[in-house]
Amino acid sequence: MLFYFHQSPRFTPDLLVQKPRHRNKQLGVFSICSPVRPNPLGMSVVEVLGIDGNLIHVKGLDMRDGTPVLDIKPLTEKDD
Protein backbone atom coordinates (compact mmCIF):
# COMPACT_ATOMS: atom_id res chain seq x y z
CA MET A 1 0.00 0.00 0.00
CA LEU A 2 1.50 3.32 -1.07
CA PHE A 3 0.37 6.42 0.83
CA TYR A 4 0.97 10.15 1.25
CA PHE A 5 2.29 11.55 4.57
CA HIS A 6 -0.30 14.35 4.48
CA GLN A 7 0.16 15.44 8.11
CA SER A 8 3.97 15.48 8.24
CA PRO A 9 5.71 18.83 8.64
CA ARG A 10 7.24 20.38 5.54
CA PHE A 11 10.74 19.01 4.91
CA THR A 12 13.69 21.39 5.10
CA PRO A 13 17.42 20.63 4.54
CA ASP A 14 18.17 20.85 8.27
CA LEU A 15 16.10 17.65 8.70
CA LEU A 16 18.50 15.53 6.61
CA VAL A 17 20.02 14.51 9.98
CA GLN A 18 17.65 13.68 12.84
CA LYS A 19 17.92 12.11 16.31
CA PRO A 20 15.43 9.30 16.84
CA ARG A 21 13.90 9.11 20.34
CA HIS A 22 15.40 5.67 20.98
CA ARG A 23 18.97 6.55 19.88
CA ASN A 24 21.71 8.66 21.50
CA LYS A 25 23.02 10.15 18.27
CA GLN A 26 21.83 11.83 15.11
CA LEU A 27 21.39 9.72 11.98
CA GLY A 28 20.64 10.41 8.35
CA VAL A 29 16.94 10.56 7.50
CA PHE A 30 17.24 7.63 5.05
CA SER A 31 18.51 5.31 7.80
CA ILE A 32 15.62 5.92 10.22
CA CYS A 33 11.82 5.56 10.18
CA SER A 34 11.00 9.24 10.57
CA PRO A 35 7.80 10.40 8.84
CA VAL A 36 9.57 13.73 8.13
CA ARG A 37 11.25 12.86 4.82
CA PRO A 38 12.25 14.63 1.60
CA ASN A 39 9.69 12.53 -0.27
CA PRO A 40 6.31 12.42 1.52
CA LEU A 41 5.48 8.89 0.32
CA GLY A 42 5.20 5.86 2.57
CA MET A 43 4.69 2.17 1.97
CA SER A 44 3.17 -0.56 4.13
CA VAL A 45 2.90 -4.28 3.52
CA VAL A 46 -0.49 -5.32 4.88
CA GLU A 47 -2.66 -8.41 5.07
CA VAL A 48 -6.10 -8.02 3.45
CA LEU A 49 -8.75 -9.35 5.83
CA GLY A 50 -11.72 -8.65 3.59
CA ILE A 51 -13.39 -6.32 1.12
CA ASP A 52 -16.77 -4.70 1.79
CA GLY A 53 -17.89 -2.56 -1.15
CA ASN A 54 -15.30 0.18 -1.49
CA LEU A 55 -13.69 -0.60 1.90
CA ILE A 56 -10.65 -2.82 2.22
CA HIS A 57 -10.11 -4.22 5.73
CA VAL A 58 -6.42 -4.79 6.45
CA LYS A 59 -4.09 -5.88 9.24
CA GLY A 60 -0.61 -4.50 9.91
CA LEU A 61 -1.13 -0.95 8.69
CA ASP A 62 1.28 1.64 10.10
CA MET A 63 -0.28 4.92 9.03
CA ARG A 64 -2.79 7.32 10.56
CA ASP A 65 -6.51 6.94 10.00
CA GLY A 66 -7.58 9.12 7.08
CA THR A 67 -4.18 9.03 5.35
CA PRO A 68 -4.61 9.24 1.57
CA VAL A 69 -3.86 5.91 -0.13
CA LEU A 70 -2.25 6.39 -3.54
CA ASP A 71 -1.94 2.82 -4.77
CA ILE A 72 -2.43 -0.80 -3.73
CA LYS A 73 -0.42 -3.66 -5.21
CA PRO A 74 -0.46 -7.39 -4.48
CA LEU A 75 2.59 -9.09 -3.01
CA THR A 76 3.34 -12.17 -5.08
CA GLU A 77 5.73 -15.06 -4.52
CA LYS A 78 8.22 -13.58 -6.98
CA ASP A 79 8.28 -10.36 -4.86
CA ASP A 80 9.14 -12.23 -1.65
C-alpha atoms as a PDB file:
ATOM      1  CA  MET A   1       0.000   0.000   0.000  1.00  0.00           C
ATOM      2  CA  LEU A   2       1.502   3.324  -1.074  1.00  0.00           C
ATOM      3  CA  PHE A   3       0.366   6.415   0.834  1.00  0.00           C
ATOM      4  CA  TYR A   4       0.972  10.146   1.250  1.00  0.00           C
ATOM      5  CA  PHE A   5       2.293  11.548   4.571  1.00  0.00           C
ATOM      6  CA  HIS A   6      -0.300  14.348   4.478  1.00  0.00           C
ATOM      7  CA  GLN A   7       0.160  15.436   8.113  1.00  0.00           C
ATOM      8  CA  SER A   8       3.968  15.480   8.236  1.00  0.00           C
ATOM      9  CA  PRO A   9       5.708  18.828   8.641  1.00  0.00           C
ATOM     10  CA  ARG A  10       7.244  20.380   5.541  1.00  0.00           C
ATOM     11  CA  PHE A  11      10.737  19.009   4.911  1.00  0.00           C
ATOM     12  CA  THR A  12      13.692  21.390   5.104  1.00  0.00           C
ATOM     13  CA  PRO A  13      17.419  20.629   4.541  1.00  0.00           C
ATOM     14  CA  ASP A  14      18.167  20.848   8.275  1.00  0.00           C
ATOM     15  CA  LEU A  15      16.097  17.652   8.697  1.00  0.00           C
ATOM     16  CA  LEU A  16      18.497  15.527   6.612  1.00  0.00           C
ATOM     17  CA  VAL A  17      20.016  14.506   9.978  1.00  0.00           C
ATOM     18  CA  GLN A  18      17.650  13.678  12.840  1.00  0.00           C
ATOM     19  CA  LYS A  19      17.925  12.110  16.306  1.00  0.00           C
ATOM     20  CA  PRO A  20      15.430   9.300  16.838  1.00  0.00           C
ATOM     21  CA  ARG A  21      13.902   9.107  20.341  1.00  0.00           C
ATOM     22  CA  HIS A  22      15.401   5.675  20.978  1.00  0.00           C
ATOM     23  CA  ARG A  23      18.970   6.552  19.882  1.00  0.00           C
ATOM     24  CA  ASN A  24      21.714   8.655  21.495  1.00  0.00           C
ATOM     25  CA  LYS A  25      23.023  10.148  18.269  1.00  0.00           C
ATOM     26  CA  GLN A  26      21.834  11.835  15.115  1.00  0.00           C
ATOM     27  CA  LEU A  27      21.393   9.723  11.983  1.00  0.00           C
ATOM     28  CA  GLY A  28      20.636  10.410   8.347  1.00  0.00           C
ATOM     29  CA  VAL A  29      16.939  10.559   7.495  1.00  0.00           C
ATOM     30  CA  PHE A  30      17.235   7.635   5.047  1.00  0.00           C
ATOM     31  CA  SER A  31      18.513   5.312   7.799  1.00  0.00           C
ATOM     32  CA  ILE A  32      15.622   5.921  10.216  1.00  0.00           C
ATOM     33  CA  CYS A  33      11.824   5.561  10.184  1.00  0.00           C
ATOM     34  CA  SER A  34      11.000   9.240  10.569  1.00  0.00           C
ATOM     35  CA  PRO A  35       7.802  10.395   8.836  1.00  0.00           C
ATOM     36  CA  VAL A  36       9.565  13.725   8.129  1.00  0.00           C
ATOM     37  CA  ARG A  37      11.250  12.860   4.822  1.00  0.00           C
ATOM     38  CA  PRO A  38      12.252  14.630   1.596  1.00  0.00           C
ATOM     39  CA  ASN A  39       9.693  12.529  -0.275  1.00  0.00           C
ATOM     40  CA  PRO A  40       6.312  12.416   1.517  1.00  0.00           C
ATOM     41  CA  LEU A  41       5.481   8.891   0.322  1.00  0.00           C
ATOM     42  CA  GLY A  42       5.200   5.864   2.568  1.00  0.00           C
ATOM     43  CA  MET A  43       4.686   2.168   1.974  1.00  0.00           C
ATOM     44  CA  SER A  44       3.174  -0.563   4.130  1.00  0.00           C
ATOM     45  CA  VAL A  45       2.904  -4.283   3.517  1.00  0.00           C
ATOM     46  CA  VAL A  46      -0.490  -5.316   4.883  1.00  0.00           C
ATOM     47  CA  GLU A  47      -2.657  -8.405   5.070  1.00  0.00           C
ATOM     48  CA  VAL A  48      -6.095  -8.018   3.453  1.00  0.00           C
ATOM     49  CA  LEU A  49      -8.746  -9.347   5.826  1.00  0.00           C
ATOM     50  CA  GLY A  50     -11.723  -8.651   3.590  1.00  0.00           C
ATOM     51  CA  ILE A  51     -13.387  -6.323   1.117  1.00  0.00           C
ATOM     52  CA  ASP A  52     -16.770  -4.704   1.793  1.00  0.00           C
ATOM     53  CA  GLY A  53     -17.893  -2.563  -1.146  1.00  0.00           C
ATOM     54  CA  ASN A  54     -15.300   0.185  -1.495  1.00  0.00           C
ATOM     55  CA  LEU A  55     -13.691  -0.604   1.896  1.00  0.00           C
ATOM     56  CA  ILE A  56     -10.649  -2.820   2.221  1.00  0.00           C
ATOM     57  CA  HIS A  57     -10.106  -4.218   5.727  1.00  0.00           C
ATOM     58  CA  VAL A  58      -6.421  -4.786   6.449  1.00  0.00           C
ATOM     59  CA  LYS A  59      -4.093  -5.877   9.241  1.00  0.00           C
ATOM     60  CA  GLY A  60      -0.607  -4.500   9.910  1.00  0.00           C
ATOM     61  CA  LEU A  61      -1.127  -0.950   8.692  1.00  0.00           C
ATOM     62  CA  ASP A  62       1.284   1.644  10.098  1.00  0.00           C
ATOM     63  CA  MET A  63      -0.283   4.922   9.028  1.00  0.00           C
ATOM     64  CA  ARG A  64      -2.793   7.320  10.558  1.00  0.00           C
ATOM     65  CA  ASP A  65      -6.513   6.943   9.999  1.00  0.00           C
ATOM     66  CA  GLY A  66      -7.575   9.124   7.076  1.00  0.00           C
ATOM     67  CA  THR A  67      -4.181   9.032   5.351  1.00  0.00           C
ATOM     68  CA  PRO A  68      -4.610   9.236   1.565  1.00  0.00           C
ATOM     69  CA  VAL A  69      -3.865   5.906  -0.133  1.00  0.00           C
ATOM     70  CA  LEU A  70      -2.247   6.392  -3.537  1.00  0.00           C
ATOM     71  CA  ASP A  71      -1.936   2.817  -4.767  1.00  0.00           C
ATOM     72  CA  ILE A  72      -2.427  -0.801  -3.727  1.00  0.00           C
ATOM     73  CA  LYS A  73      -0.424  -3.664  -5.214  1.00  0.00           C
ATOM     74  CA  PRO A  74      -0.465  -7.391  -4.482  1.00  0.00           C
ATOM     75  CA  LEU A  75       2.585  -9.085  -3.006  1.00  0.00           C
ATOM     76  CA  THR A  76       3.338 -12.170  -5.085  1.00  0.00           C
ATOM     77  CA  GLU A  77       5.727 -15.063  -4.517  1.00  0.00           C
ATOM     78  CA  LYS A  78       8.223 -13.575  -6.982  1.00  0.00           C
ATOM     79  CA  ASP A  79       8.281 -10.364  -4.863  1.00  0.00           C
ATOM     80  CA  ASP A  80       9.142 -12.230  -1.646  1.00  0.00           C
END
